[in-house]
PDB file of N, CA and C in Angstrom:
ATOM      1  N   GLN A   1     102.658 209.091 -14.072  1.00  0.00           N
ATOM      2  CA  GLN A   1     102.267 207.752 -13.690  1.00  0.00           C
ATOM      3  C   GLN A   1     101.513 207.372 -14.533  1.00  0.00           C
ATOM      4  N   VAL A   2     102.072 205.991 -15.437  1.00  0.00           N
ATOM      5  CA  VAL A   2     101.202 205.669 -16.481  1.00  0.00           C
ATOM      6  C   VAL A   2      99.833 204.185 -15.715  1.00  0.00           C
ATOM      7  N   GLN A   3      99.732 205.121 -16.732  1.00  0.00           N
ATOM      8  CA  GLN A   3      97.713 204.288 -16.371  1.00  0.00           C
ATOM      9  C   GLN A   3      97.043 203.411 -17.611  1.00  0.00           C
ATOM     10  N   LEU A   4      96.280 202.349 -16.670  1.00  0.00           N
ATOM     11  CA  LEU A   4      96.235 201.671 -18.763  1.00  0.00           C
ATOM     12  C   LEU A   4      94.133 201.274 -18.037  1.00  0.00           C
ATOM     13  N   VAL A   5      93.864 201.089 -18.941  1.00  0.00           N
ATOM     14  CA  VAL A   5      92.463 201.003 -19.228  1.00  0.00           C
ATOM     15  C   VAL A   5      91.452 200.024 -20.110  1.00  0.00           C
ATOM     16  N   GLU A   6      91.427 198.997 -19.870  1.00  0.00           N
ATOM     17  CA  GLU A   6      90.584 198.243 -20.770  1.00  0.00           C
ATOM     18  C   GLU A   6      89.631 198.235 -20.320  1.00  0.00           C
ATOM     19  N   SER A   7      89.340 197.655 -21.931  1.00  0.00           N
ATOM     20  CA  SER A   7      88.109 197.890 -22.212  1.00  0.00           C
ATOM     21  C   SER A   7      87.599 196.806 -23.042  1.00  0.00           C
ATOM     22  N   GLY A   8      86.490 196.842 -23.759  1.00  0.00           N
ATOM     23  CA  GLY A   8      86.749 195.493 -25.023  1.00  0.00           C
ATOM     24  C   GLY A   8      85.666 194.167 -24.201  1.00  0.00           C
ATOM     25  N   GLY A   9      85.481 193.986 -22.732  1.00  0.00           N
ATOM     26  CA  GLY A   9      84.491 192.767 -21.974  1.00  0.00           C
ATOM     27  C   GLY A   9      83.029 193.070 -22.032  1.00  0.00           C
ATOM     28  N   GLY A  10      82.361 191.963 -22.572  1.00  0.00           N
ATOM     29  CA  GLY A  10      80.755 191.392 -22.522  1.00  0.00           C
ATOM     30  C   GLY A  10      80.776 190.146 -22.243  1.00  0.00           C
ATOM     31  N   LEU A  11      79.515 189.970 -22.645  1.00  0.00           N
ATOM     32  CA  LEU A  11      78.893 188.913 -22.268  1.00  0.00           C
ATOM     33  C   LEU A  11      78.850 188.171 -23.829  1.00  0.00           C
ATOM     34  N   VAL A  12      79.111 186.624 -23.650  1.00  0.00           N
ATOM     35  CA  VAL A  12      79.393 186.452 -25.134  1.00  0.00           C
ATOM     36  C   VAL A  12      78.998 184.569 -24.911  1.00  0.00           C
ATOM     37  N   GLN A  13      77.918 184.837 -25.968  1.00  0.00           N
ATOM     38  CA  GLN A  13      78.084 182.522 -26.164  1.00  0.00           C
ATOM     39  C   GLN A  13      79.619 182.119 -26.045  1.00  0.00           C
ATOM     40  N   ALA A  14      79.895 180.851 -25.911  1.00  0.00           N
ATOM     41  CA  ALA A  14      80.736 179.113 -26.185  1.00  0.00           C
ATOM     42  C   ALA A  14      80.928 180.107 -27.604  1.00  0.00           C
ATOM     43  N   GLY A  15      81.879 179.681 -28.048  1.00  0.00           N
ATOM     44  CA  GLY A  15      82.362 179.459 -29.124  1.00  0.00           C
ATOM     45  C   GLY A  15      82.148 181.304 -30.196  1.00  0.00           C
ATOM     46  N   GLU A  16      81.918 182.337 -29.542  1.00  0.00           N
ATOM     47  CA  GLU A  16      82.234 183.852 -30.149  1.00  0.00           C
ATOM     48  C   GLU A  16      83.513 184.272 -30.569  1.00  0.00           C
ATOM     49  N   SER A  17      83.594 185.671 -30.620  1.00  0.00           N
ATOM     50  CA  SER A  17      84.760 186.341 -30.209  1.00  0.00           C
ATOM     51  C   SER A  17      84.603 187.569 -29.407  1.00  0.00           C
ATOM     52  N   LEU A  18      85.736 188.683 -28.619  1.00  0.00           N
ATOM     53  CA  LEU A  18      86.040 189.886 -28.158  1.00  0.00           C
ATOM     54  C   LEU A  18      86.739 190.028 -28.447  1.00  0.00           C
ATOM     55  N   ARG A  19      87.398 190.946 -28.516  1.00  0.00           N
ATOM     56  CA  ARG A  19      88.433 191.848 -28.168  1.00  0.00           C
ATOM     57  C   ARG A  19      88.506 193.376 -27.910  1.00  0.00           C
ATOM     58  N   LEU A  20      89.823 192.770 -27.051  1.00  0.00           N
ATOM     59  CA  LEU A  20      89.661 194.089 -25.369  1.00  0.00           C
ATOM     60  C   LEU A  20      90.711 194.615 -26.024  1.00  0.00           C
ATOM     61  N   SER A  21      90.344 195.733 -25.269  1.00  0.00           N
ATOM     62  CA  SER A  21      92.021 196.468 -25.575  1.00  0.00           C
ATOM     63  C   SER A  21      92.292 197.285 -24.715  1.00  0.00           C
ATOM     64  N   CYS A  22      93.529 198.354 -23.896  1.00  0.00           N
ATOM     65  CA  CYS A  22      94.264 198.165 -23.028  1.00  0.00           C
ATOM     66  C   CYS A  22      94.623 199.158 -23.319  1.00  0.00           C
ATOM     67  N   ALA A  23      94.113 201.102 -23.447  1.00  0.00           N
ATOM     68  CA  ALA A  23      94.920 201.812 -23.681  1.00  0.00           C
ATOM     69  C   ALA A  23      95.610 203.013 -22.389  1.00  0.00           C
ATOM     70  N   ALA A  24      96.952 203.392 -22.637  1.00  0.00           N
ATOM     71  CA  ALA A  24      98.409 203.010 -21.959  1.00  0.00           C
ATOM     72  C   ALA A  24      97.797 205.097 -21.907  1.00  0.00           C
ATOM     73  N   SER A  25      98.614 205.411 -20.684  1.00  0.00           N
ATOM     74  CA  SER A  25      99.262 206.619 -20.774  1.00  0.00           C
ATOM     75  C   SER A  25     100.070 206.561 -20.633  1.00  0.00           C
ATOM     76  N   GLY A  26     100.989 208.591 -20.239  1.00  0.00           N
ATOM     77  CA  GLY A  26     102.695 207.621 -18.978  1.00  0.00           C
ATOM     78  C   GLY A  26     103.228 206.671 -20.488  1.00  0.00           C
ATOM     79  N   ARG A  27     105.089 206.521 -19.809  1.00  0.00           N
ATOM     80  CA  ARG A  27     105.521 206.334 -20.519  1.00  0.00           C
ATOM     81  C   ARG A  27     105.287 203.893 -20.654  1.00  0.00           C
ATOM     82  N   THR A  28     105.003 203.824 -21.692  1.00  0.00           N
ATOM     83  CA  THR A  28     105.712 202.614 -22.348  1.00  0.00           C
ATOM     84  C   THR A  28     106.542 202.208 -23.695  1.00  0.00           C
ATOM     85  N   PHE A  29     106.992 203.150 -23.839  1.00  0.00           N
ATOM     86  CA  PHE A  29     107.953 203.057 -24.540  1.00  0.00           C
ATOM     87  C   PHE A  29     109.179 202.174 -24.134  1.00  0.00           C
ATOM     88  N   LEU A  30     109.770 201.293 -25.143  1.00  0.00           N
ATOM     89  CA  LEU A  30     110.204 200.711 -24.406  1.00  0.00           C
ATOM     90  C   LEU A  30     109.924 199.722 -23.413  1.00  0.00           C
ATOM     91  N   TYR A  31     108.975 199.314 -23.174  1.00  0.00           N
ATOM     92  CA  TYR A  31     108.277 197.937 -22.108  1.00  0.00           C
ATOM     93  C   TYR A  31     107.454 197.396 -23.064  1.00  0.00           C
ATOM     94  N   ASN A  32     107.552 195.546 -22.689  1.00  0.00           N
ATOM     95  CA  ASN A  32     106.608 195.151 -23.060  1.00  0.00           C
ATOM     96  C   ASN A  32     104.931 194.740 -22.145  1.00  0.00           C
ATOM     97  N   MET A  33     104.268 194.189 -22.479  1.00  0.00           N
ATOM     98  CA  MET A  33     103.034 194.645 -22.261  1.00  0.00           C
ATOM     99  C   MET A  33     101.798 193.261 -21.664  1.00  0.00           C
ATOM    100  N   GLY A  34     101.858 192.620 -21.003  1.00  0.00           N
ATOM    101  CA  GLY A  34     100.613 191.685 -21.167  1.00  0.00           C
ATOM    102  C   GLY A  34      99.485 191.558 -20.484  1.00  0.00           C
ATOM    103  N   TRP A  35      98.435 190.003 -20.665  1.00  0.00           N
ATOM    104  CA  TRP A  35      97.623 190.606 -20.818  1.00  0.00           C
ATOM    105  C   TRP A  35      97.527 188.527 -19.339  1.00  0.00           C
ATOM    106  N   PHE A  36      96.518 189.159 -17.829  1.00  0.00           N
ATOM    107  CA  PHE A  36      96.056 188.259 -17.051  1.00  0.00           C
ATOM    108  C   PHE A  36      95.334 188.346 -16.671  1.00  0.00           C
ATOM    109  N   ARG A  37      94.581 187.359 -16.418  1.00  0.00           N
ATOM    110  CA  ARG A  37      92.924 187.113 -16.269  1.00  0.00           C
ATOM    111  C   ARG A  37      92.938 186.370 -14.864  1.00  0.00           C
ATOM    112  N   GLN A  38      91.618 187.052 -13.684  1.00  0.00           N
ATOM    113  CA  GLN A  38      91.139 186.165 -12.787  1.00  0.00           C
ATOM    114  C   GLN A  38      89.933 185.707 -12.461  1.00  0.00           C
ATOM    115  N   ALA A  39      89.886 184.351 -12.448  1.00  0.00           N
ATOM    116  CA  ALA A  39      87.934 184.293 -11.985  1.00  0.00           C
ATOM    117  C   ALA A  39      87.876 184.274 -10.732  1.00  0.00           C
ATOM    118  N   PRO A  40      86.694 184.045 -10.388  1.00  0.00           N
ATOM    119  CA  PRO A  40      85.722 184.966  -8.882  1.00  0.00           C
ATOM    120  C   PRO A  40      87.003 183.204  -8.187  1.00  0.00           C
ATOM    121  N   GLY A  41      87.771 183.395  -7.238  1.00  0.00           N
ATOM    122  CA  GLY A  41      88.647 182.277  -6.029  1.00  0.00           C
ATOM    123  C   GLY A  41      89.560 181.622  -6.938  1.00  0.00           C
ATOM    124  N   LYS A  42      89.771 182.466  -7.717  1.00  0.00           N
ATOM    125  CA  LYS A  42      91.323 181.940  -8.499  1.00  0.00           C
ATOM    126  C   LYS A  42      92.601 183.073  -8.424  1.00  0.00           C
ATOM    127  N   GLU A  43      93.952 182.367  -8.408  1.00  0.00           N
ATOM    128  CA  GLU A  43      94.942 183.705  -8.490  1.00  0.00           C
ATOM    129  C   GLU A  43      94.727 183.848  -9.751  1.00  0.00           C
ATOM    130  N   ARG A  44      95.006 185.518  -9.587  1.00  0.00           N
ATOM    131  CA  ARG A  44      95.015 185.646 -11.061  1.00  0.00           C
ATOM    132  C   ARG A  44      96.399 185.258 -11.832  1.00  0.00           C
ATOM    133  N   GLU A  45      96.453 184.890 -13.583  1.00  0.00           N
ATOM    134  CA  GLU A  45      96.924 184.254 -14.431  1.00  0.00           C
ATOM    135  C   GLU A  45      97.800 184.324 -15.968  1.00  0.00           C
ATOM    136  N   PHE A  46      98.131 184.707 -15.737  1.00  0.00           N
ATOM    137  CA  PHE A  46      99.127 185.224 -17.159  1.00  0.00           C
ATOM    138  C   PHE A  46      98.207 184.365 -18.354  1.00  0.00           C
ATOM    139  N   VAL A  47      98.771 185.192 -19.175  1.00  0.00           N
ATOM    140  CA  VAL A  47      96.987 184.805 -20.880  1.00  0.00           C
ATOM    141  C   VAL A  47      98.267 185.132 -21.874  1.00  0.00           C
ATOM    142  N   ALA A  48      98.873 186.043 -21.985  1.00  0.00           N
ATOM    143  CA  ALA A  48      99.543 186.527 -23.967  1.00  0.00           C
ATOM    144  C   ALA A  48     100.508 187.829 -22.865  1.00  0.00           C
ATOM    145  N   ALA A  49     101.883 187.958 -23.976  1.00  0.00           N
ATOM    146  CA  ALA A  49     102.590 188.826 -23.391  1.00  0.00           C
ATOM    147  C   ALA A  49     103.525 189.248 -25.332  1.00  0.00           C
ATOM    148  N   ILE A  50     103.576 190.723 -25.382  1.00  0.00           N
ATOM    149  CA  ILE A  50     104.251 190.970 -26.487  1.00  0.00           C
ATOM    150  C   ILE A  50     105.138 191.913 -25.975  1.00  0.00           C
ATOM    151  N   THR A  51     106.541 192.118 -27.295  1.00  0.00           N
ATOM    152  CA  THR A  51     106.859 193.380 -27.060  1.00  0.00           C
ATOM    153  C   THR A  51     106.520 193.807 -27.215  1.00  0.00           C
ATOM    154  N   TRP A  52     107.540 195.330 -26.660  1.00  0.00           N
ATOM    155  CA  TRP A  52     107.045 196.337 -26.670  1.00  0.00           C
ATOM    156  C   TRP A  52     106.923 196.749 -28.545  1.00  0.00           C
ATOM    157  N   ASN A  53     108.152 196.504 -29.561  1.00  0.00           N
ATOM    158  CA  ASN A  53     107.660 196.578 -30.766  1.00  0.00           C
ATOM    159  C   ASN A  53     106.912 195.303 -31.620  1.00  0.00           C
ATOM    160  N   GLY A  54     106.251 194.612 -30.523  1.00  0.00           N
ATOM    161  CA  GLY A  54     105.484 193.425 -30.901  1.00  0.00           C
ATOM    162  C   GLY A  54     106.422 191.949 -31.786  1.00  0.00           C
ATOM    163  N   GLY A  55     107.583 192.292 -31.529  1.00  0.00           N
ATOM    164  CA  GLY A  55     108.497 191.248 -32.788  1.00  0.00           C
ATOM    165  C   GLY A  55     108.205 190.186 -31.575  1.00  0.00           C
ATOM    166  N   SER A  56     108.026 189.643 -30.391  1.00  0.00           N
ATOM    167  CA  SER A  56     107.902 188.420 -30.245  1.00  0.00           C
ATOM    168  C   SER A  56     106.179 188.867 -28.690  1.00  0.00           C
ATOM    169  N   THR A  57     106.319 186.942 -29.185  1.00  0.00           N
ATOM    170  CA  THR A  57     105.102 186.757 -28.071  1.00  0.00           C
ATOM    171  C   THR A  57     104.905 185.533 -27.193  1.00  0.00           C
ATOM    172  N   ASP A  58     104.440 185.975 -26.408  1.00  0.00           N
ATOM    173  CA  ASP A  58     103.819 184.476 -25.085  1.00  0.00           C
ATOM    174  C   ASP A  58     102.113 184.498 -25.394  1.00  0.00           C
ATOM    175  N   TYR A  59     102.168 182.961 -25.141  1.00  0.00           N
ATOM    176  CA  TYR A  59     100.691 182.966 -25.110  1.00  0.00           C
ATOM    177  C   TYR A  59     101.180 181.601 -23.669  1.00  0.00           C
ATOM    178  N   ALA A  60      99.886 181.532 -23.252  1.00  0.00           N
ATOM    179  CA  ALA A  60      99.621 180.248 -21.609  1.00  0.00           C
ATOM    180  C   ALA A  60      98.919 179.171 -22.681  1.00  0.00           C
ATOM    181  N   ASP A  61      99.121 177.877 -22.780  1.00  0.00           N
ATOM    182  CA  ASP A  61      98.720 176.781 -23.394  1.00  0.00           C
ATOM    183  C   ASP A  61      97.030 176.931 -22.823  1.00  0.00           C
ATOM    184  N   SER A  62      96.432 177.660 -22.558  1.00  0.00           N
ATOM    185  CA  SER A  62      95.313 177.296 -22.749  1.00  0.00           C
ATOM    186  C   SER A  62      94.467 178.225 -23.816  1.00  0.00           C
ATOM    187  N   VAL A  63      95.360 178.937 -24.144  1.00  0.00           N
ATOM    188  CA  VAL A  63      94.437 180.504 -25.310  1.00  0.00           C
ATOM    189  C   VAL A  63      95.803 179.825 -26.811  1.00  0.00           C
ATOM    190  N   LYS A  64      96.619 179.062 -25.757  1.00  0.00           N
ATOM    191  CA  LYS A  64      97.090 178.907 -27.227  1.00  0.00           C
ATOM    192  C   LYS A  64      96.576 179.110 -28.429  1.00  0.00           C
ATOM    193  N   GLY A  65      96.487 179.789 -29.819  1.00  0.00           N
ATOM    194  CA  GLY A  65      95.522 179.154 -30.976  1.00  0.00           C
ATOM    195  C   GLY A  65      93.943 180.036 -30.974  1.00  0.00           C
ATOM    196  N   ARG A  66      93.616 179.854 -29.947  1.00  0.00           N
ATOM    197  CA  ARG A  66      92.804 181.011 -30.016  1.00  0.00           C
ATOM    198  C   ARG A  66      92.897 183.221 -29.714  1.00  0.00           C
ATOM    199  N   PHE A  67      94.157 183.210 -28.640  1.00  0.00           N
ATOM    200  CA  PHE A  67      93.716 183.903 -28.919  1.00  0.00           C
ATOM    201  C   PHE A  67      95.132 185.077 -29.484  1.00  0.00           C
ATOM    202  N   THR A  68      95.269 186.376 -30.134  1.00  0.00           N
ATOM    203  CA  THR A  68      96.225 186.836 -29.686  1.00  0.00           C
ATOM    204  C   THR A  68      96.316 188.342 -29.991  1.00  0.00           C
ATOM    205  N   ILE A  69      97.828 188.161 -29.137  1.00  0.00           N
ATOM    206  CA  ILE A  69      97.701 189.461 -28.737  1.00  0.00           C
ATOM    207  C   ILE A  69      97.999 190.570 -29.522  1.00  0.00           C
ATOM    208  N   SER A  70      98.092 191.617 -29.581  1.00  0.00           N
ATOM    209  CA  SER A  70      99.319 192.805 -30.420  1.00  0.00           C
ATOM    210  C   SER A  70      98.688 194.442 -29.578  1.00  0.00           C
ATOM    211  N   ILE A  71     100.421 194.731 -30.544  1.00  0.00           N
ATOM    212  CA  ILE A  71     100.225 196.325 -29.902  1.00  0.00           C
ATOM    213  C   ILE A  71     100.851 197.531 -31.077  1.00  0.00           C
ATOM    214  N   ASP A  72      99.548 198.567 -30.801  1.00  0.00           N
ATOM    215  CA  ASP A  72      99.821 199.564 -31.418  1.00  0.00           C
ATOM    216  C   ASP A  72     100.598 200.851 -30.849  1.00  0.00           C
ATOM    217  N   ASN A  73     101.955 200.747 -31.442  1.00  0.00           N
ATOM    218  CA  ASN A  73     102.666 201.815 -30.669  1.00  0.00           C
ATOM    219  C   ASN A  73     102.073 203.159 -30.801  1.00  0.00           C
ATOM    220  N   VAL A  74     101.527 203.801 -32.166  1.00  0.00           N
ATOM    221  CA  VAL A  74     101.254 205.115 -32.048  1.00  0.00           C
ATOM    222  C   VAL A  74     100.259 205.302 -31.334  1.00  0.00           C
ATOM    223  N   LYS A  75      99.319 204.112 -31.212  1.00  0.00           N
ATOM    224  CA  LYS A  75      97.799 204.513 -30.513  1.00  0.00           C
ATOM    225  C   LYS A  75      98.086 204.036 -28.468  1.00  0.00           C
ATOM    226  N   ASN A  76      99.171 203.770 -28.724  1.00  0.00           N
ATOM    227  CA  ASN A  76      99.855 203.296 -26.750  1.00  0.00           C
ATOM    228  C   ASN A  76      98.581 202.063 -26.474  1.00  0.00           C
ATOM    229  N   THR A  77      98.447 201.586 -27.019  1.00  0.00           N
ATOM    230  CA  THR A  77      97.385 200.482 -27.223  1.00  0.00           C
ATOM    231  C   THR A  77      97.523 199.141 -27.697  1.00  0.00           C
ATOM    232  N   VAL A  78      97.244 198.236 -26.522  1.00  0.00           N
ATOM    233  CA  VAL A  78      97.513 196.887 -26.760  1.00  0.00           C
ATOM    234  C   VAL A  78      96.009 195.910 -27.114  1.00  0.00           C
ATOM    235  N   TYR A  79      95.990 195.290 -27.247  1.00  0.00           N
ATOM    236  CA  TYR A  79      94.714 194.276 -28.045  1.00  0.00           C
ATOM    237  C   TYR A  79      94.927 192.947 -27.331  1.00  0.00           C
ATOM    238  N   LEU A  80      93.698 192.283 -27.074  1.00  0.00           N
ATOM    239  CA  LEU A  80      94.110 190.723 -27.231  1.00  0.00           C
ATOM    240  C   LEU A  80      92.733 190.228 -27.722  1.00  0.00           C
ATOM    241  N   GLN A  81      92.358 189.325 -29.767  1.00  0.00           N
ATOM    242  CA  GLN A  81      91.173 189.139 -30.300  1.00  0.00           C
ATOM    243  C   GLN A  81      91.269 187.982 -29.287  1.00  0.00           C
ATOM    244  N   MET A  82      90.326 187.493 -28.741  1.00  0.00           N
ATOM    245  CA  MET A  82      89.669 186.158 -28.371  1.00  0.00           C
ATOM    246  C   MET A  82      89.151 185.549 -28.805  1.00  0.00           C
ATOM    247  N   ASN A  83      89.254 184.649 -30.015  1.00  0.00           N
ATOM    248  CA  ASN A  83      88.173 183.786 -31.029  1.00  0.00           C
ATOM    249  C   ASN A  83      88.293 182.377 -29.962  1.00  0.00           C
ATOM    250  N   SER A  84      86.666 181.529 -30.352  1.00  0.00           N
ATOM    251  CA  SER A  84      86.755 180.809 -30.559  1.00  0.00           C
ATOM    252  C   SER A  84      86.293 180.285 -28.100  1.00  0.00           C
ATOM    253  N   LEU A  85      85.468 181.633 -27.821  1.00  0.00           N
ATOM    254  CA  LEU A  85      85.387 181.394 -26.621  1.00  0.00           C
ATOM    255  C   LEU A  85      85.103 180.827 -25.904  1.00  0.00           C
ATOM    256  N   LYS A  86      85.578 179.631 -24.724  1.00  0.00           N
ATOM    257  CA  LYS A  86      84.670 178.748 -23.892  1.00  0.00           C
ATOM    258  C   LYS A  86      84.742 179.522 -22.417  1.00  0.00           C
ATOM    259  N   PRO A  87      83.292 178.882 -21.816  1.00  0.00           N
ATOM    260  CA  PRO A  87      83.328 179.248 -20.532  1.00  0.00           C
ATOM    261  C   PRO A  87      84.443 179.709 -19.266  1.00  0.00           C
ATOM    262  N   GLU A  88      85.667 178.449 -19.202  1.00  0.00           N
ATOM    263  CA  GLU A  88      86.537 179.026 -18.142  1.00  0.00           C
ATOM    264  C   GLU A  88      86.975 180.106 -19.248  1.00  0.00           C
ATOM    265  N   ASP A  89      87.003 180.670 -19.611  1.00  0.00           N
ATOM    266  CA  ASP A  89      87.097 181.827 -20.449  1.00  0.00           C
ATOM    267  C   ASP A  89      86.948 182.909 -19.549  1.00  0.00           C
ATOM    268  N   THR A  90      85.970 182.689 -18.872  1.00  0.00           N
ATOM    269  CA  THR A  90      84.923 183.527 -17.859  1.00  0.00           C
ATOM    270  C   THR A  90      86.090 183.928 -16.807  1.00  0.00           C
ATOM    271  N   ALA A  91      86.285 185.514 -17.129  1.00  0.00           N
ATOM    272  CA  ALA A  91      86.927 186.204 -15.792  1.00  0.00           C
ATOM    273  C   ALA A  91      86.949 187.315 -15.991  1.00  0.00           C
ATOM    274  N   VAL A  92      87.764 188.175 -15.440  1.00  0.00           N
ATOM    275  CA  VAL A  92      87.856 189.774 -15.006  1.00  0.00           C
ATOM    276  C   VAL A  92      90.240 189.978 -15.775  1.00  0.00           C
ATOM    277  N   TYR A  93      89.652 190.442 -17.383  1.00  0.00           N
ATOM    278  CA  TYR A  93      90.791 190.435 -17.952  1.00  0.00           C
ATOM    279  C   TYR A  93      91.503 191.965 -17.753  1.00  0.00           C
ATOM    280  N   TYR A  94      92.504 192.198 -16.849  1.00  0.00           N
ATOM    281  CA  TYR A  94      94.142 192.884 -17.064  1.00  0.00           C
ATOM    282  C   TYR A  94      94.481 192.722 -17.835  1.00  0.00           C
ATOM    283  N   CYS A  95      95.223 194.267 -18.046  1.00  0.00           N
ATOM    284  CA  CYS A  95      96.258 194.326 -18.896  1.00  0.00           C
ATOM    285  C   CYS A  95      97.626 194.902 -17.546  1.00  0.00           C
ATOM    286  N   GLY A  96      98.948 194.698 -18.437  1.00  0.00           N
ATOM    287  CA  GLY A  96      99.832 195.285 -17.485  1.00  0.00           C
ATOM    288  C   GLY A  96     100.631 195.310 -18.242  1.00  0.00           C
ATOM    289  N   ARG A  97     101.947 196.353 -17.314  1.00  0.00           N
ATOM    290  CA  ARG A  97     103.339 196.766 -18.402  1.00  0.00           C
ATOM    291  C   ARG A  97     104.324 196.820 -16.909  1.00  0.00           C
ATOM    292  N   SER A  98     105.187 195.525 -17.889  1.00  0.00           N
ATOM    293  CA  SER A  98     106.533 195.025 -17.351  1.00  0.00           C
ATOM    294  C   SER A  98     107.986 195.365 -18.408  1.00  0.00           C
ATOM    295  N   ALA A  99     109.051 195.650 -17.914  1.00  0.00           N
ATOM    296  CA  ALA A  99     110.193 195.566 -18.352  1.00  0.00           C
ATOM    297  C   ALA A  99     110.300 193.805 -19.185  1.00  0.00           C
ATOM    298  N   TYR A 100     110.165 192.798 -18.922  1.00  0.00           N
ATOM    299  CA  TYR A 100     110.223 191.769 -19.287  1.00  0.00           C
ATOM    300  C   TYR A 100     109.452 190.913 -20.378  1.00  0.00           C
ATOM    301  N   LEU A 101     109.278 190.514 -20.895  1.00  0.00           N
ATOM    302  CA  LEU A 101     108.582 188.925 -22.322  1.00  0.00           C
ATOM    303  C   LEU A 101     108.079 188.271 -20.671  1.00  0.00           C
ATOM    304  N   SER A 102     106.816 188.427 -19.776  1.00  0.00           N
ATOM    305  CA  SER A 102     106.851 187.907 -18.912  1.00  0.00           C
ATOM    306  C   SER A 102     105.909 187.224 -18.663  1.00  0.00           C
ATOM    307  N   ARG A 103     105.919 185.652 -17.652  1.00  0.00           N
ATOM    308  CA  ARG A 103     105.170 185.501 -17.455  1.00  0.00           C
ATOM    309  C   ARG A 103     104.472 185.968 -16.092  1.00  0.00           C
ATOM    310  N   VAL A 104     105.658 185.997 -15.558  1.00  0.00           N
ATOM    311  CA  VAL A 104     104.791 185.919 -13.736  1.00  0.00           C
ATOM    312  C   VAL A 104     104.376 187.418 -13.007  1.00  0.00           C
ATOM    313  N   GLU A 105     103.496 187.240 -12.531  1.00  0.00           N
ATOM    314  CA  GLU A 105     102.749 188.757 -12.277  1.00  0.00           C
ATOM    315  C   GLU A 105     103.984 189.663 -11.245  1.00  0.00           C
ATOM    316  N   TYR A 106     104.471 189.604 -10.858  1.00  0.00           N
ATOM    317  CA  TYR A 106     105.202 190.459 -10.204  1.00  0.00           C
ATOM    318  C   TYR A 106     105.939 191.183 -10.794  1.00  0.00           C
ATOM    319  N   GLN A 107     106.430 190.819 -11.676  1.00  0.00           N
ATOM    320  CA  GLN A 107     106.898 191.507 -12.693  1.00  0.00           C
ATOM    321  C   GLN A 107     106.741 192.350 -13.671  1.00  0.00           C
ATOM    322  N   TYR A 108     105.304 192.651 -12.848  1.00  0.00           N
ATOM    323  CA  TYR A 108     104.508 193.979 -13.944  1.00  0.00           C
ATOM    324  C   TYR A 108     104.314 195.110 -12.741  1.00  0.00           C
ATOM    325  N   ASP A 109     104.136 195.773 -13.024  1.00  0.00           N
ATOM    326  CA  ASP A 109     104.465 197.336 -12.586  1.00  0.00           C
ATOM    327  C   ASP A 109     102.890 197.648 -12.220  1.00  0.00           C
ATOM    328  N   TYR A 110     102.622 197.822 -13.686  1.00  0.00           N
ATOM    329  CA  TYR A 110     101.276 198.534 -13.237  1.00  0.00           C
ATOM    330  C   TYR A 110     100.599 197.809 -13.901  1.00  0.00           C
ATOM    331  N   TRP A 111      99.272 197.912 -13.425  1.00  0.00           N
ATOM    332  CA  TRP A 111      97.558 197.292 -13.944  1.00  0.00           C
ATOM    333  C   TRP A 111      96.557 197.525 -14.063  1.00  0.00           C
ATOM    334  N   GLY A 112      95.642 198.303 -15.185  1.00  0.00           N
ATOM    335  CA  GLY A 112      94.826 197.967 -15.354  1.00  0.00           C
ATOM    336  C   GLY A 112      93.624 197.985 -14.379  1.00  0.00           C
ATOM    337  N   GLN A 113      91.978 198.502 -14.552  1.00  0.00           N
ATOM    338  CA  GLN A 113      91.170 198.207 -13.899  1.00  0.00           C
ATOM    339  C   GLN A 113      90.387 197.123 -14.290  1.00  0.00           C
ATOM    340  N   GLY A 114      91.080 196.712 -15.036  1.00  0.00           N
ATOM    341  CA  GLY A 114      89.933 195.290 -15.784  1.00  0.00           C
ATOM    342  C   GLY A 114      89.132 195.222 -16.794  1.00  0.00           C
ATOM    343  N   THR A 115      88.505 194.660 -17.243  1.00  0.00           N
ATOM    344  CA  THR A 115      87.441 194.269 -18.260  1.00  0.00           C
ATOM    345  C   THR A 115      86.879 192.878 -18.341  1.00  0.00           C
ATOM    346  N   GLN A 116      86.063 192.875 -17.371  1.00  0.00           N
ATOM    347  CA  GLN A 116      85.165 191.297 -17.357  1.00  0.00           C
ATOM    348  C   GLN A 116      84.253 190.869 -19.270  1.00  0.00           C
ATOM    349  N   VAL A 117      84.700 190.025 -18.849  1.00  0.00           N
ATOM    350  CA  VAL A 117      84.137 188.708 -20.031  1.00  0.00           C
ATOM    351  C   VAL A 117      83.814 187.145 -19.393  1.00  0.00           C
ATOM    352  N   THR A 118      82.538 187.654 -19.980  1.00  0.00           N
ATOM    353  CA  THR A 118      81.376 186.264 -19.349  1.00  0.00           C
ATOM    354  C   THR A 118      80.999 185.452 -20.653  1.00  0.00           C
ATOM    355  N   VAL A 119      80.904 184.147 -19.956  1.00  0.00           N
ATOM    356  CA  VAL A 119      81.221 182.841 -21.895  1.00  0.00           C
ATOM    357  C   VAL A 119      79.582 181.941 -21.168  1.00  0.00           C
ATOM    358  N   SER A 120      79.335 182.328 -21.730  1.00  0.00           N
ATOM    359  CA  SER A 120      77.831 180.857 -21.807  1.00  0.00           C
ATOM    360  C   SER A 120      77.853 179.698 -22.235  1.00  0.00           C
ATOM    361  N   SER A 121      77.132 179.075 -22.242  1.00  0.00           N
ATOM    362  CA  SER A 121      77.675 178.043 -22.331  1.00  0.00           C
ATOM    363  C   SER A 121      76.217 177.569 -23.275  1.00  0.00           C
TER     364      SER A 121
END
């Protein structure tokens, strides 16, 4: 069974940076990975995605230029480097596995438990 575990969240001030990690067990070879986030009272929204070999990436407009997704196949880990954080980035961040390079939540079949990111102004 696939298990995904996020880490690296925390409380930071606006303008600071965090790097999130998503460690995977089980099969991820040839699967794509993505990051979504969910703020209180809101739907889960797409943040970034990456192909299994790191060859292609996709970003939500709200994070483009600030966030970078990367993948380490040896460590079976996907990362989200978040720079210039804004209060509106505050959310629980989830990583997921998908058969597609996708922005669509339902195309992801496994999810981690999430890690909290809080950005104060």
